[in-house]
C-alpha atoms as a PDB file:
ATOM      1  CA  ASP A   1      48.678 -66.164 -33.673  1.00  0.00           C
ATOM      2  CA  SER A   2      47.368 -67.207 -37.047  1.00  0.00           C
ATOM      3  CA  PHE A   3      49.518 -66.164 -40.273  1.00  0.00           C
ATOM      4  CA  TYR A   4      46.270 -65.442 -42.089  1.00  0.00           C
ATOM      5  CA  THR A   5      43.444 -63.471 -40.918  1.00  0.00           C
ATOM      6  CA  PRO A   6      40.303 -63.790 -42.979  1.00  0.00           C
ATOM      7  CA  LEU A   7      38.631 -60.359 -43.928  1.00  0.00           C
ATOM      8  CA  THR A   8      35.241 -61.841 -43.695  1.00  0.00           C
ATOM      9  CA  ASN A   9      33.007 -63.208 -41.110  1.00  0.00           C
ATOM     10  CA  VAL A  10      31.639 -66.088 -43.500  1.00  0.00           C
ATOM     11  CA  GLN A  11      29.235 -66.580 -40.740  1.00  0.00           C
ATOM     12  CA  LYS A  12      27.829 -62.621 -40.839  1.00  0.00           C
ATOM     13  CA  VAL A  13      27.783 -63.108 -44.650  1.00  0.00           C
ATOM     14  CA  ASN A  14      25.684 -66.318 -44.824  1.00  0.00           C
ATOM     15  CA  GLU A  15      23.173 -64.672 -42.665  1.00  0.00           C
ATOM     16  CA  LEU A  16      23.044 -61.551 -44.695  1.00  0.00           C
ATOM     17  CA  LEU A  17      22.500 -63.591 -47.868  1.00  0.00           C
ATOM     18  CA  LYS A  18      19.571 -65.558 -46.101  1.00  0.00           C
ATOM     19  CA  LYS A  19      17.695 -62.174 -46.575  1.00  0.00           C
ATOM     20  CA  ILE A  20      17.478 -62.882 -50.242  1.00  0.00           C
ATOM     21  CA  PRO A  21      14.427 -65.375 -51.143  1.00  0.00           C
ATOM     22  CA  LYS A  22      15.138 -68.017 -53.164  1.00  0.00           C
ATOM     23  CA  GLU A  23      12.889 -66.941 -55.854  1.00  0.00           C
ATOM     24  CA  ALA A  24      14.289 -63.415 -56.085  1.00  0.00           C
ATOM     25  CA  SER A  25      16.300 -62.045 -58.884  1.00  0.00           C
ATOM     26  CA  VAL A  26      19.825 -61.390 -57.995  1.00  0.00           C
ATOM     27  CA  CYS A  27      22.656 -59.026 -59.262  1.00  0.00           C
ATOM     28  CA  ALA A  28      25.739 -60.073 -57.151  1.00  0.00           C
ATOM     29  CA  SER A  29      29.807 -59.704 -57.654  1.00  0.00           C
ATOM     30  CA  GLY A  30      32.134 -62.393 -58.317  1.00  0.00           C
ATOM     31  CA  GLY A  31      32.731 -63.230 -54.797  1.00  0.00           C
ATOM     32  CA  VAL A  32      29.075 -63.385 -53.918  1.00  0.00           C
ATOM     33  CA  LEU A  33      27.856 -64.864 -57.265  1.00  0.00           C
ATOM     34  CA  SER A  34      29.082 -68.374 -56.316  1.00  0.00           C
ATOM     35  CA  HIS A  35      26.805 -68.455 -53.434  1.00  0.00           C
ATOM     36  CA  LEU A  36      23.921 -67.718 -54.988  1.00  0.00           C
ATOM     37  CA  ALA A  37      24.760 -69.422 -58.470  1.00  0.00           C
ATOM     38  CA  PHE A  38      21.629 -71.882 -58.414  1.00  0.00           C
ATOM     39  CA  ARG A  39      18.912 -69.147 -58.922  1.00  0.00           C
ATOM     40  CA  GLU A  40      16.738 -68.570 -61.883  1.00  0.00           C
ATOM     41  CA  LYS A  41      17.606 -64.899 -62.470  1.00  0.00           C
ATOM     42  CA  ILE A  42      20.983 -64.024 -61.425  1.00  0.00           C
ATOM     43  CA  TYR A  43      23.129 -61.046 -63.200  1.00  0.00           C
ATOM     44  CA  TYR A  44      27.035 -60.336 -62.434  1.00  0.00           C
ATOM     45  CA  PHE A  45      27.496 -56.849 -60.731  1.00  0.00           C
ATOM     46  CA  PRO A  46      27.034 -54.005 -62.340  1.00  0.00           C
ATOM     47  CA  LEU A  47      24.376 -55.527 -64.463  1.00  0.00           C
ATOM     48  CA  LEU A  48      21.293 -54.596 -62.495  1.00  0.00           C
ATOM     49  CA  ASN A  49      18.659 -55.779 -65.450  1.00  0.00           C
ATOM     50  CA  LYS A  50      16.045 -54.567 -62.527  1.00  0.00           C
ATOM     51  CA  ALA A  51      17.091 -56.813 -60.039  1.00  0.00           C
ATOM     52  CA  GLU A  52      14.930 -57.153 -56.857  1.00  0.00           C
ATOM     53  CA  TYR A  53      18.206 -57.711 -54.748  1.00  0.00           C
ATOM     54  CA  ILE A  54      21.931 -56.541 -55.222  1.00  0.00           C
ATOM     55  CA  CYS A  55      24.927 -58.042 -53.355  1.00  0.00           C
ATOM     56  CA  PHE A  56      28.558 -57.149 -54.038  1.00  0.00           C
ATOM     57  CA  SER A  57      31.500 -56.982 -51.781  1.00  0.00           C
ATOM     58  CA  THR A  58      34.207 -54.377 -51.505  1.00  0.00           C
ATOM     59  CA  VAL A  59      37.126 -56.639 -51.009  1.00  0.00           C
ATOM     60  CA  ASP A  60      36.855 -59.577 -53.492  1.00  0.00           C
ATOM     61  CA  GLY A  61      38.070 -57.411 -56.391  1.00  0.00           C
ATOM     62  CA  PRO A  62      36.192 -55.410 -58.974  1.00  0.00           C
ATOM     63  CA  TYR A  63      36.391 -58.095 -61.954  1.00  0.00           C
ATOM     64  CA  PRO A  64      35.511 -57.491 -64.609  1.00  0.00           C
ATOM     65  CA  LEU A  65      35.530 -53.944 -64.162  1.00  0.00           C
ATOM     66  CA  SER A  66      38.541 -51.982 -63.122  1.00  0.00           C
ATOM     67  CA  GLN A  67      38.642 -50.533 -59.759  1.00  0.00           C
ATOM     68  CA  ALA A  68      37.473 -47.005 -61.031  1.00  0.00           C
ATOM     69  CA  ASP A  69      34.471 -48.344 -62.734  1.00  0.00           C
ATOM     70  CA  PHE A  70      33.529 -50.550 -60.100  1.00  0.00           C
ATOM     71  CA  ASP A  71      33.720 -47.809 -57.459  1.00  0.00           C
ATOM     72  CA  LEU A  72      31.799 -45.785 -60.014  1.00  0.00           C
ATOM     73  CA  HIS A  73      28.955 -48.127 -59.922  1.00  0.00           C
ATOM     74  CA  VAL A  74      28.601 -48.548 -56.379  1.00  0.00           C
ATOM     75  CA  LYS A  75      28.470 -44.882 -55.965  1.00  0.00           C
ATOM     76  CA  GLN A  76      25.759 -44.823 -58.508  1.00  0.00           C
ATOM     77  CA  LEU A  77      23.799 -47.670 -56.768  1.00  0.00           C
ATOM     78  CA  GLN A  78      24.337 -45.577 -53.417  1.00  0.00           C
ATOM     79  CA  GLU A  79      22.774 -42.390 -54.963  1.00  0.00           C
ATOM     80  CA  ASN A  80      19.940 -44.689 -56.589  1.00  0.00           C
ATOM     81  CA  LYS A  81      16.487 -44.074 -55.361  1.00  0.00           C
ATOM     82  CA  GLN A  82      15.191 -47.398 -56.526  1.00  0.00           C
ATOM     83  CA  TYR A  83      17.302 -49.120 -54.194  1.00  0.00           C
ATOM     84  CA  GLN A  84      17.730 -49.515 -50.442  1.00  0.00           C
ATOM     85  CA  LEU A  85      20.590 -50.608 -48.442  1.00  0.00           C
ATOM     86  CA  ILE A  86      19.128 -53.217 -46.191  1.00  0.00           C
ATOM     87  CA  GLY A  87      22.204 -54.781 -44.682  1.00  0.00           C
ATOM     88  CA  LYS A  88      25.948 -54.956 -44.248  1.00  0.00           C
ATOM     89  CA  ALA A  89      28.092 -57.559 -43.212  1.00  0.00           C
ATOM     90  CA  ASP A  90      31.800 -56.455 -43.153  1.00  0.00           C
ATOM     91  CA  ASN A  91      32.647 -55.585 -46.682  1.00  0.00           C
ATOM     92  CA  TYR A  92      29.442 -56.986 -48.273  1.00  0.00           C
ATOM     93  CA  TYR A  93      26.335 -55.013 -49.150  1.00  0.00           C
ATOM     94  CA  LEU A  94      22.699 -55.932 -49.610  1.00  0.00           C
ATOM     95  CA  TYR A  95      20.229 -53.713 -51.101  1.00  0.00           C
ATOM     96  CA  LYS A  96      16.813 -54.266 -52.352  1.00  0.00           C
ATOM     97  CA  ARG A  97      14.617 -52.527 -54.909  1.00  0.00           C
ATOM     98  CA  LEU A  98      12.225 -50.307 -53.443  1.00  0.00           C
ATOM     99  CA  PRO A  99       8.342 -51.054 -54.906  1.00  0.00           C
ATOM    100  CA  ASN A 100       7.467 -48.506 -57.891  1.00  0.00           C
ATOM    101  CA  GLU A 101       5.300 -45.644 -56.661  1.00  0.00           C
END
């Protein structure tokens, strides 16, 4: 038995992140940001800035927000008709901005 059991399947999260095109603008939470750092347009969640993709984790902590504020932004995103959930890996979520109608 292992003392440490990871909360996340890294391989599944990496597969999720591969769905984001390299040239796409991204808004991401802290635990995801470092994996996407070498992009031209990257924003720290919850600053959407019309990002094409949003990826965040519910287990990496809410920094720089309080947990209540983080939860509120997640709820607002879930209700936002401009974005659609396109993937989930453990506690990581990937949303894509829908084209304007």
